[in-house]
PDB file of N, CA and C in Angstrom:
ATOM      1  N   PRO A   1      -2.911  -6.099  18.124  1.00  0.00           N
ATOM      2  CA  PRO A   1      -4.062  -5.306  17.914  1.00  0.00           C
ATOM      3  C   PRO A   1      -4.933  -5.774  16.781  1.00  0.00           C
ATOM      4  N   ALA A   2      -6.208  -5.363  16.836  1.00  0.00           N
ATOM      5  CA  ALA A   2      -7.082  -5.754  15.708  1.00  0.00           C
ATOM      6  C   ALA A   2      -6.890  -4.842  14.577  1.00  0.00           C
ATOM      7  N   LEU A   3      -6.396  -3.623  14.698  1.00  0.00           N
ATOM      8  CA  LEU A   3      -6.249  -2.721  13.693  1.00  0.00           C
ATOM      9  C   LEU A   3      -4.945  -1.848  13.794  1.00  0.00           C
ATOM     10  N   LEU A   4      -4.183  -1.742  12.776  1.00  0.00           N
ATOM     11  CA  LEU A   4      -3.040  -0.840  12.767  1.00  0.00           C
ATOM     12  C   LEU A   4      -3.287   0.300  11.847  1.00  0.00           C
ATOM     13  N   LEU A   5      -3.045   1.548  12.267  1.00  0.00           N
ATOM     14  CA  LEU A   5      -3.149   2.703  11.431  1.00  0.00           C
ATOM     15  C   LEU A   5      -1.624   3.124  11.057  1.00  0.00           C
ATOM     16  N   LEU A   6      -1.358   3.165   9.816  1.00  0.00           N
ATOM     17  CA  LEU A   6       0.083   3.419   9.343  1.00  0.00           C
ATOM     18  C   LEU A   6       0.051   4.600   8.411  1.00  0.00           C
ATOM     19  N   ASP A   7       0.760   5.685   8.829  1.00  0.00           N
ATOM     20  CA  ASP A   7       0.818   6.891   8.015  1.00  0.00           C
ATOM     21  C   ASP A   7       2.234   7.043   7.495  1.00  0.00           C
ATOM     22  N   GLU A   8       2.483   6.738   6.242  1.00  0.00           N
ATOM     23  CA  GLU A   8       3.745   6.826   5.535  1.00  0.00           C
ATOM     24  C   GLU A   8       4.821   6.062   6.334  1.00  0.00           C
ATOM     25  N   PRO A   9       4.719   4.789   6.575  1.00  0.00           N
ATOM     26  CA  PRO A   9       5.650   4.064   7.341  1.00  0.00           C
ATOM     27  C   PRO A   9       7.052   4.000   6.675  1.00  0.00           C
ATOM     28  N   SER A  10       7.082   4.149   5.339  1.00  0.00           N
ATOM     29  CA  SER A  10       8.437   4.049   4.658  1.00  0.00           C
ATOM     30  C   SER A  10       9.148   5.422   4.568  1.00  0.00           C
ATOM     31  N   LEU A  11       8.513   6.515   5.055  1.00  0.00           N
ATOM     32  CA  LEU A  11       9.057   7.814   4.886  1.00  0.00           C
ATOM     33  C   LEU A  11      10.439   7.858   5.634  1.00  0.00           C
ATOM     34  N   GLY A  12      11.456   8.291   4.853  1.00  0.00           N
ATOM     35  CA  GLY A  12      12.801   8.456   5.399  1.00  0.00           C
ATOM     36  C   GLY A  12      13.665   7.141   5.627  1.00  0.00           C
ATOM     37  N   LEU A  13      13.051   6.033   5.244  1.00  0.00           N
ATOM     38  CA  LEU A  13      13.733   4.789   5.496  1.00  0.00           C
ATOM     39  C   LEU A  13      14.615   4.383   4.213  1.00  0.00           C
ATOM     40  N   ALA A  14      15.652   3.692   4.473  1.00  0.00           N
ATOM     41  CA  ALA A  14      16.429   3.150   3.308  1.00  0.00           C
ATOM     42  C   ALA A  14      15.619   2.072   2.625  1.00  0.00           C
ATOM     43  N   PRO A  15      15.802   1.956   1.333  1.00  0.00           N
ATOM     44  CA  PRO A  15      14.996   0.961   0.574  1.00  0.00           C
ATOM     45  C   PRO A  15      15.006  -0.509   1.181  1.00  0.00           C
ATOM     46  N   LYS A  16      16.207  -0.910   1.661  1.00  0.00           N
ATOM     47  CA  LYS A  16      16.302  -2.245   2.277  1.00  0.00           C
ATOM     48  C   LYS A  16      15.416  -2.318   3.579  1.00  0.00           C
ATOM     49  N   VAL A  17      15.517  -1.260   4.424  1.00  0.00           N
ATOM     50  CA  VAL A  17      14.679  -1.246   5.610  1.00  0.00           C
ATOM     51  C   VAL A  17      13.176  -1.203   5.267  1.00  0.00           C
ATOM     52  N   THR A  18      12.811  -0.453   4.193  1.00  0.00           N
ATOM     53  CA  THR A  18      11.438  -0.336   3.752  1.00  0.00           C
ATOM     54  C   THR A  18      10.948  -1.759   3.355  1.00  0.00           C
ATOM     55  N   ALA A  19      11.782  -2.415   2.583  1.00  0.00           N
ATOM     56  CA  ALA A  19      11.383  -3.788   2.129  1.00  0.00           C
ATOM     57  C   ALA A  19      11.163  -4.708   3.295  1.00  0.00           C
ATOM     58  N   GLU A  20      12.095  -4.618   4.261  1.00  0.00           N
ATOM     59  CA  GLU A  20      11.992  -5.482   5.460  1.00  0.00           C
ATOM     60  C   GLU A  20      10.655  -5.101   6.263  1.00  0.00           C
ATOM     61  N   LEU A  21      10.358  -3.827   6.417  1.00  0.00           N
ATOM     62  CA  LEU A  21       9.242  -3.430   7.101  1.00  0.00           C
ATOM     63  C   LEU A  21       7.961  -3.896   6.393  1.00  0.00           C
ATOM     64  N   PHE A  22       7.883  -3.827   5.104  1.00  0.00           N
ATOM     65  CA  PHE A  22       6.650  -4.267   4.410  1.00  0.00           C
ATOM     66  C   PHE A  22       6.499  -5.835   4.542  1.00  0.00           C
ATOM     67  N   GLU A  23       7.659  -6.503   4.506  1.00  0.00           N
ATOM     68  CA  GLU A  23       7.652  -7.934   4.707  1.00  0.00           C
ATOM     69  C   GLU A  23       7.086  -8.256   6.040  1.00  0.00           C
ATOM     70  N   VAL A  24       7.439  -7.561   7.122  1.00  0.00           N
ATOM     71  CA  VAL A  24       6.843  -7.830   8.448  1.00  0.00           C
ATOM     72  C   VAL A  24       5.409  -7.461   8.469  1.00  0.00           C
ATOM     73  N   LEU A  25       5.038  -6.362   7.858  1.00  0.00           N
ATOM     74  CA  LEU A  25       3.591  -6.000   7.795  1.00  0.00           C
ATOM     75  C   LEU A  25       2.822  -7.090   7.113  1.00  0.00           C
ATOM     76  N   GLY A  26       3.312  -7.616   6.065  1.00  0.00           N
ATOM     77  CA  GLY A  26       2.609  -8.693   5.294  1.00  0.00           C
ATOM     78  C   GLY A  26       2.469  -9.919   6.176  1.00  0.00           C
ATOM     79  N   ARG A  27       3.476 -10.227   7.013  1.00  0.00           N
ATOM     80  CA  ARG A  27       3.342 -11.407   7.913  1.00  0.00           C
ATOM     81  C   ARG A  27       2.320 -11.134   8.991  1.00  0.00           C
ATOM     82  N   VAL A  28       2.353  -9.879   9.542  1.00  0.00           N
ATOM     83  CA  VAL A  28       1.361  -9.516  10.606  1.00  0.00           C
ATOM     84  C   VAL A  28       0.007  -9.675  10.023  1.00  0.00           C
ATOM     85  N   LYS A  29      -0.196  -9.168   8.813  1.00  0.00           N
ATOM     86  CA  LYS A  29      -1.501  -9.279   8.145  1.00  0.00           C
ATOM     87  C   LYS A  29      -1.920 -10.641   7.974  1.00  0.00           C
ATOM     88  N   ALA A  30      -1.092 -11.479   7.488  1.00  0.00           N
ATOM     89  CA  ALA A  30      -1.462 -12.915   7.219  1.00  0.00           C
ATOM     90  C   ALA A  30      -1.494 -13.763   8.504  1.00  0.00           C
ATOM     91  N   GLU A  31      -0.534 -13.709   9.316  1.00  0.00           N
ATOM     92  CA  GLU A  31      -0.501 -14.585  10.454  1.00  0.00           C
ATOM     93  C   GLU A  31      -1.412 -14.136  11.673  1.00  0.00           C
ATOM     94  N   GLU A  32      -1.427 -12.906  11.880  1.00  0.00           N
ATOM     95  CA  GLU A  32      -2.247 -12.379  13.024  1.00  0.00           C
ATOM     96  C   GLU A  32      -3.673 -11.898  12.564  1.00  0.00           C
ATOM     97  N   ARG A  33      -3.845 -11.929  11.252  1.00  0.00           N
ATOM     98  CA  ARG A  33      -5.140 -11.407  10.681  1.00  0.00           C
ATOM     99  C   ARG A  33      -5.482 -10.034  11.210  1.00  0.00           C
ATOM    100  N   THR A  34      -4.506  -9.172  11.254  1.00  0.00           N
ATOM    101  CA  THR A  34      -4.592  -7.737  11.667  1.00  0.00           C
ATOM    102  C   THR A  34      -5.064  -6.837  10.513  1.00  0.00           C
ATOM    103  N   SER A  35      -6.091  -6.126  10.690  1.00  0.00           N
ATOM    104  CA  SER A  35      -6.497  -5.141   9.653  1.00  0.00           C
ATOM    105  C   SER A  35      -5.565  -3.984   9.696  1.00  0.00           C
ATOM    106  N   MET A  36      -5.359  -3.352   8.553  1.00  0.00           N
ATOM    107  CA  MET A  36      -4.509  -2.158   8.495  1.00  0.00           C
ATOM    108  C   MET A  36      -5.120  -1.101   7.638  1.00  0.00           C
ATOM    109  N   VAL A  37      -4.958   0.234   8.005  1.00  0.00           N
ATOM    110  CA  VAL A  37      -5.253   1.290   7.188  1.00  0.00           C
ATOM    111  C   VAL A  37      -3.884   1.919   6.972  1.00  0.00           C
ATOM    112  N   LEU A  38      -3.508   1.930   5.682  1.00  0.00           N
ATOM    113  CA  LEU A  38      -2.157   2.317   5.268  1.00  0.00           C
ATOM    114  C   LEU A  38      -2.217   3.506   4.351  1.00  0.00           C
ATOM    115  N   VAL A  39      -1.578   4.586   4.745  1.00  0.00           N
ATOM    116  CA  VAL A  39      -1.415   5.764   3.881  1.00  0.00           C
ATOM    117  C   VAL A  39       0.052   5.700   3.452  1.00  0.00           C
ATOM    118  N   GLU A  40       0.335   5.602   2.128  1.00  0.00           N
ATOM    119  CA  GLU A  40       1.710   5.398   1.660  1.00  0.00           C
ATOM    120  C   GLU A  40       1.807   5.926   0.194  1.00  0.00           C
ATOM    121  N   GLN A  41       2.915   6.730  -0.010  1.00  0.00           N
ATOM    122  CA  GLN A  41       3.132   7.226  -1.357  1.00  0.00           C
ATOM    123  C   GLN A  41       3.795   6.219  -2.302  1.00  0.00           C
ATOM    124  N   ASN A  42       4.448   5.273  -1.725  1.00  0.00           N
ATOM    125  CA  ASN A  42       5.013   4.225  -2.495  1.00  0.00           C
ATOM    126  C   ASN A  42       3.881   3.261  -2.950  1.00  0.00           C
ATOM    127  N   ALA A  43       3.259   3.636  -4.078  1.00  0.00           N
ATOM    128  CA  ALA A  43       2.075   2.875  -4.537  1.00  0.00           C
ATOM    129  C   ALA A  43       2.415   1.426  -4.824  1.00  0.00           C
ATOM    130  N   ALA A  44       3.536   1.062  -5.314  1.00  0.00           N
ATOM    131  CA  ALA A  44       3.798  -0.305  -5.582  1.00  0.00           C
ATOM    132  C   ALA A  44       3.847  -1.164  -4.370  1.00  0.00           C
ATOM    133  N   LEU A  45       4.426  -0.691  -3.295  1.00  0.00           N
ATOM    134  CA  LEU A  45       4.460  -1.395  -2.039  1.00  0.00           C
ATOM    135  C   LEU A  45       3.117  -1.472  -1.415  1.00  0.00           C
ATOM    136  N   ALA A  46       2.352  -0.412  -1.473  1.00  0.00           N
ATOM    137  CA  ALA A  46       1.026  -0.353  -0.854  1.00  0.00           C
ATOM    138  C   ALA A  46       0.137  -1.288  -1.580  1.00  0.00           C
ATOM    139  N   LEU A  47       0.195  -1.395  -2.847  1.00  0.00           N
ATOM    140  CA  LEU A  47      -0.720  -2.187  -3.614  1.00  0.00           C
ATOM    141  C   LEU A  47      -0.352  -3.703  -3.429  1.00  0.00           C
ATOM    142  N   GLU A  48       0.869  -4.030  -3.132  1.00  0.00           N
ATOM    143  CA  GLU A  48       1.358  -5.415  -2.839  1.00  0.00           C
ATOM    144  C   GLU A  48       0.735  -5.875  -1.510  1.00  0.00           C
ATOM    145  N   LEU A  49       0.659  -4.977  -0.563  1.00  0.00           N
ATOM    146  CA  LEU A  49       0.197  -5.337   0.758  1.00  0.00           C
ATOM    147  C   LEU A  49      -1.331  -5.327   0.844  1.00  0.00           C
ATOM    148  N   ALA A  50      -1.926  -4.432   0.156  1.00  0.00           N
ATOM    149  CA  ALA A  50      -3.398  -4.063   0.325  1.00  0.00           C
ATOM    150  C   ALA A  50      -4.268  -5.123  -0.317  1.00  0.00           C
ATOM    151  N   ASP A  51      -5.524  -5.298   0.232  1.00  0.00           N
ATOM    152  CA  ASP A  51      -6.558  -5.998  -0.387  1.00  0.00           C
ATOM    153  C   ASP A  51      -7.427  -5.024  -1.129  1.00  0.00           C
ATOM    154  N   THR A  52      -7.719  -3.907  -0.596  1.00  0.00           N
ATOM    155  CA  THR A  52      -8.525  -2.813  -1.346  1.00  0.00           C
ATOM    156  C   THR A  52      -7.639  -1.608  -1.253  1.00  0.00           C
ATOM    157  N   ALA A  53      -7.710  -0.757  -2.335  1.00  0.00           N
ATOM    158  CA  ALA A  53      -6.927   0.463  -2.478  1.00  0.00           C
ATOM    159  C   ALA A  53      -7.830   1.602  -2.904  1.00  0.00           C
ATOM    160  N   TYR A  54      -7.437   2.752  -2.338  1.00  0.00           N
ATOM    161  CA  TYR A  54      -8.049   4.007  -2.721  1.00  0.00           C
ATOM    162  C   TYR A  54      -6.960   4.959  -3.196  1.00  0.00           C
ATOM    163  N   LEU A  55      -7.065   5.426  -4.469  1.00  0.00           N
ATOM    164  CA  LEU A  55      -6.004   6.360  -4.936  1.00  0.00           C
ATOM    165  C   LEU A  55      -6.608   7.828  -4.780  1.00  0.00           C
ATOM    166  N   LEU A  56      -5.777   8.630  -4.049  1.00  0.00           N
ATOM    167  CA  LEU A  56      -6.263   9.953  -3.822  1.00  0.00           C
ATOM    168  C   LEU A  56      -5.386  10.874  -4.612  1.00  0.00           C
ATOM    169  N   GLU A  57      -5.998  12.040  -5.010  1.00  0.00           N
ATOM    170  CA  GLU A  57      -5.325  13.140  -5.649  1.00  0.00           C
ATOM    171  C   GLU A  57      -5.947  14.343  -5.058  1.00  0.00           C
ATOM    172  N   ALA A  58      -5.105  15.271  -4.432  1.00  0.00           N
ATOM    173  CA  ALA A  58      -5.559  16.494  -3.861  1.00  0.00           C
ATOM    174  C   ALA A  58      -6.730  16.263  -2.864  1.00  0.00           C
ATOM    175  N   GLY A  59      -6.612  15.165  -2.102  1.00  0.00           N
ATOM    176  CA  GLY A  59      -7.597  14.861  -1.074  1.00  0.00           C
ATOM    177  C   GLY A  59      -8.915  14.235  -1.562  1.00  0.00           C
ATOM    178  N   ARG A  60      -8.987  13.885  -2.809  1.00  0.00           N
ATOM    179  CA  ARG A  60     -10.197  13.305  -3.373  1.00  0.00           C
ATOM    180  C   ARG A  60      -9.902  11.870  -3.924  1.00  0.00           C
ATOM    181  N   THR A  61     -10.810  10.967  -3.663  1.00  0.00           N
ATOM    182  CA  THR A  61     -10.664   9.644  -4.216  1.00  0.00           C
ATOM    183  C   THR A  61     -10.931   9.668  -5.709  1.00  0.00           C
ATOM    184  N   VAL A  62      -9.916   9.253  -6.467  1.00  0.00           N
ATOM    185  CA  VAL A  62     -10.052   9.229  -7.916  1.00  0.00           C
ATOM    186  C   VAL A  62     -10.236   7.833  -8.454  1.00  0.00           C
ATOM    187  N   LEU A  63      -9.874   6.852  -7.679  1.00  0.00           N
ATOM    188  CA  LEU A  63     -10.052   5.491  -8.161  1.00  0.00           C
ATOM    189  C   LEU A  63      -9.981   4.623  -6.869  1.00  0.00           C
ATOM    190  N   SER A  64     -10.825   3.477  -6.891  1.00  0.00           N
ATOM    191  CA  SER A  64     -10.794   2.525  -5.750  1.00  0.00           C
ATOM    192  C   SER A  64     -11.184   1.222  -6.308  1.00  0.00           C
ATOM    193  N   GLY A  65     -10.748   0.231  -5.605  1.00  0.00           N
ATOM    194  CA  GLY A  65     -11.093  -1.180  -5.995  1.00  0.00           C
ATOM    195  C   GLY A  65     -10.127  -2.185  -5.347  1.00  0.00           C
ATOM    196  N   PRO A  66     -10.215  -3.413  -5.769  1.00  0.00           N
ATOM    197  CA  PRO A  66      -9.298  -4.425  -5.326  1.00  0.00           C
ATOM    198  C   PRO A  66      -7.854  -4.157  -5.763  1.00  0.00           C
ATOM    199  N   ALA A  67      -6.961  -4.169  -4.810  1.00  0.00           N
ATOM    200  CA  ALA A  67      -5.598  -3.749  -5.099  1.00  0.00           C
ATOM    201  C   ALA A  67      -4.990  -4.607  -6.195  1.00  0.00           C
ATOM    202  N   ALA A  68      -5.341  -5.849  -6.357  1.00  0.00           N
ATOM    203  CA  ALA A  68      -4.811  -6.754  -7.410  1.00  0.00           C
ATOM    204  C   ALA A  68      -5.280  -6.158  -8.756  1.00  0.00           C
ATOM    205  N   GLU A  69      -6.446  -5.670  -8.899  1.00  0.00           N
ATOM    206  CA  GLU A  69      -6.888  -5.089 -10.188  1.00  0.00           C
ATOM    207  C   GLU A  69      -6.231  -3.809 -10.418  1.00  0.00           C
ATOM    208  N   LEU A  70      -6.077  -2.978  -9.439  1.00  0.00           N
ATOM    209  CA  LEU A  70      -5.442  -1.661  -9.648  1.00  0.00           C
ATOM    210  C   LEU A  70      -3.933  -1.811 -10.054  1.00  0.00           C
ATOM    211  N   ARG A  71      -3.259  -2.895  -9.431  1.00  0.00           N
ATOM    212  CA  ARG A  71      -1.874  -3.145  -9.780  1.00  0.00           C
ATOM    213  C   ARG A  71      -1.722  -3.497 -11.243  1.00  0.00           C
ATOM    214  N   THR A  72      -2.656  -4.065 -11.910  1.00  0.00           N
ATOM    215  CA  THR A  72      -2.543  -4.538 -13.268  1.00  0.00           C
ATOM    216  C   THR A  72      -3.223  -3.481 -14.301  1.00  0.00           C
ATOM    217  N   ASP A  73      -3.898  -2.470 -13.765  1.00  0.00           N
ATOM    218  CA  ASP A  73      -4.540  -1.471 -14.628  1.00  0.00           C
ATOM    219  C   ASP A  73      -3.464  -0.619 -15.288  1.00  0.00           C
ATOM    220  N   ASP A  74      -3.457  -0.552 -16.634  1.00  0.00           N
ATOM    221  CA  ASP A  74      -2.530   0.222 -17.383  1.00  0.00           C
ATOM    222  C   ASP A  74      -2.302   1.654 -16.971  1.00  0.00           C
ATOM    223  N   ALA A  75      -3.464   2.342 -16.807  1.00  0.00           N
ATOM    224  CA  ALA A  75      -3.511   3.737 -16.441  1.00  0.00           C
ATOM    225  C   ALA A  75      -2.781   3.949 -15.016  1.00  0.00           C
ATOM    226  N   VAL A  76      -3.134   3.048 -14.101  1.00  0.00           N
ATOM    227  CA  VAL A  76      -2.551   3.090 -12.777  1.00  0.00           C
ATOM    228  C   VAL A  76      -0.991   2.850 -12.906  1.00  0.00           C
ATOM    229  N   ARG A  77      -0.689   1.828 -13.677  1.00  0.00           N
ATOM    230  CA  ARG A  77       0.748   1.523 -13.806  1.00  0.00           C
ATOM    231  C   ARG A  77       1.546   2.655 -14.315  1.00  0.00           C
ATOM    232  N   ARG A  78       0.997   3.341 -15.359  1.00  0.00           N
ATOM    233  CA  ARG A  78       1.720   4.430 -15.938  1.00  0.00           C
ATOM    234  C   ARG A  78       1.732   5.697 -15.002  1.00  0.00           C
ATOM    235  N   SER A  79       0.646   5.959 -14.350  1.00  0.00           N
ATOM    236  CA  SER A  79       0.550   7.202 -13.564  1.00  0.00           C
ATOM    237  C   SER A  79       1.180   7.131 -12.151  1.00  0.00           C
ATOM    238  N   TYR A  80       1.082   5.893 -11.538  1.00  0.00           N
ATOM    239  CA  TYR A  80       1.456   5.800 -10.225  1.00  0.00           C
ATOM    240  C   TYR A  80       2.682   4.900  -9.921  1.00  0.00           C
ATOM    241  N   LEU A  81       2.771   3.910 -10.830  1.00  0.00           N
ATOM    242  CA  LEU A  81       3.871   2.881 -10.568  1.00  0.00           C
ATOM    243  C   LEU A  81       5.072   3.054 -11.402  1.00  0.00           C
ATOM    244  N   GLY A  82       5.027   3.942 -12.474  1.00  0.00           N
ATOM    245  CA  GLY A  82       6.087   4.307 -13.271  1.00  0.00           C
ATOM    246  C   GLY A  82       6.636   3.238 -14.275  1.00  0.00           C
ATOM    247  N   TYR A  83       5.752   2.371 -14.625  1.00  0.00           N
ATOM    248  CA  TYR A  83       6.186   1.395 -15.667  1.00  0.00           C
ATOM    249  C   TYR A  83       4.994   1.100 -16.547  1.00  0.00           C
TER     250      TYR A  83
END
């Protein structure tokens, strides 16, 4: 497909299975050049896979930008990534 829509793909999965799933999604993105819209509460995994990220709180966008920048933003790390 040209586009995958993924709503909480890690929900209910064991951590090992989640890691394997995101590894496959990363390969699909890179090798097949498939675009993805991903809704995921595991911000660390989502930011690793994403090119662009939108952080939502109560249905409103509170921050957006390149995922690599958001991953290194101190406020994002403290609030969403837990370190």
